[in-house]
C-alpha cells in the first residue's frame, strides 16, 4: 500500500496524470474530425471482405489438398 502511494505521488509530481488526461482529450478531438462511413459504404466493405476471405480460404484449401495428394504420391 505504501509503495502504491509513493508511486502515485511520484507520478503526480512528474505530471504524468496531466499528460494522460491531455492524451485522452486530444484523442477525443481527433475522433470528432474523422469521417465515418455511411451504412451503404459499411455494408459494401463488409461484402468485399467476406468475399475476399472466402476466395483466400478456398485457395488455401485447394493448395493444401494438391500438396497433400502430391506428398502421398511421393511418399
Protein backbone atom coordinates (compact mmCIF):
# COMPACT_ATOMS: atom_id res chain seq x y z
CA UNK A 1 0.00 0.00 0.00
CA UNK A 2 2.81 2.37 0.89
CA UNK A 3 4.61 1.52 -2.35
CA UNK A 4 1.50 2.32 -4.36
CA UNK A 5 1.15 5.67 -2.60
CA UNK A 6 4.80 6.52 -3.25
CA UNK A 7 4.48 5.63 -6.95
CA UNK A 8 1.27 7.65 -7.17
CA UNK A 9 2.94 10.66 -5.55
CA UNK A 10 5.94 10.45 -7.88
CA UNK A 11 3.74 10.23 -10.95
CA UNK A 12 1.65 13.15 -9.70
CA UNK A 13 4.73 15.34 -9.19
CA UNK A 14 6.07 14.50 -12.65
CA UNK A 15 2.77 15.47 -14.28
CA UNK A 16 2.07 12.03 -15.71
CA UNK A 17 -1.64 12.30 -14.98
CA UNK A 18 -1.90 15.66 -16.74
CA UNK A 19 -0.19 14.23 -19.82
CA UNK A 20 -2.51 11.23 -19.76
CA UNK A 21 -5.54 13.48 -19.46
CA UNK A 22 -4.25 15.60 -22.34
CA UNK A 23 -3.74 12.48 -24.45
CA UNK A 24 -7.35 11.38 -23.95
CA UNK A 25 -8.63 14.88 -24.71
CA UNK A 26 -6.60 15.09 -27.94
CA UNK A 27 -7.74 11.61 -28.97
CA UNK A 28 -11.37 12.60 -28.45
CA UNK A 29 -10.88 15.77 -30.52
CA UNK A 30 -9.23 13.82 -33.35
CA UNK A 31 -12.04 11.26 -33.42
CA UNK A 32 -14.57 14.06 -33.92
CA UNK A 33 -12.63 15.08 -37.05
CA UNK A 34 -12.93 11.60 -38.57
CA UNK A 35 -15.41 10.91 -41.32
CA UNK A 36 -17.31 7.76 -40.57
CA UNK A 37 -18.63 5.54 -43.39
CA UNK A 38 -22.29 5.54 -44.28
CA UNK A 39 -24.34 2.38 -43.80
CA UNK A 40 -24.14 1.56 -47.52
CA UNK A 41 -20.34 2.02 -47.58
CA UNK A 42 -20.01 -0.16 -44.49
CA UNK A 43 -22.13 -2.94 -45.99
CA UNK A 44 -20.22 -2.76 -49.29
CA UNK A 45 -16.87 -3.02 -47.50
CA UNK A 46 -18.17 -5.91 -45.40
CA UNK A 47 -19.21 -7.82 -48.52
CA UNK A 48 -15.82 -7.21 -50.14
CA UNK A 49 -14.03 -8.51 -47.05
CA UNK A 50 -16.26 -11.59 -46.77
CA UNK A 51 -15.82 -12.48 -50.46
CA UNK A 52 -12.05 -11.94 -50.24
CA UNK A 53 -11.79 -14.15 -47.17
CA UNK A 54 -13.88 -16.81 -48.93
CA UNK A 55 -11.63 -16.78 -52.00
CA UNK A 56 -8.46 -16.82 -49.92
CA UNK A 57 -9.80 -19.68 -47.78
CA UNK A 58 -10.80 -21.67 -50.87
CA UNK A 59 -7.42 -21.07 -52.49
CA UNK A 60 -5.61 -22.16 -49.32
CA UNK A 61 -7.72 -25.31 -49.07
CA UNK A 62 -7.10 -26.12 -52.75
CA UNK A 63 -3.34 -25.68 -52.49
CA UNK A 64 -3.30 -27.73 -49.28
CA UNK A 65 -5.24 -30.52 -50.99
CA UNK A 66 -2.94 -30.54 -54.03
CA UNK A 67 0.20 -30.56 -51.86
CA UNK A 68 -1.26 -33.39 -49.74
CA UNK A 69 -2.03 -35.51 -52.81
CA UNK A 70 1.42 -34.86 -54.28
CA UNK A 71 3.10 -35.73 -50.98
CA UNK A 72 1.12 -39.01 -50.75
CA UNK A 73 2.35 -39.98 -54.22
CA UNK A 74 5.94 -39.08 -53.31
CA UNK A 75 5.93 -40.92 -50.01
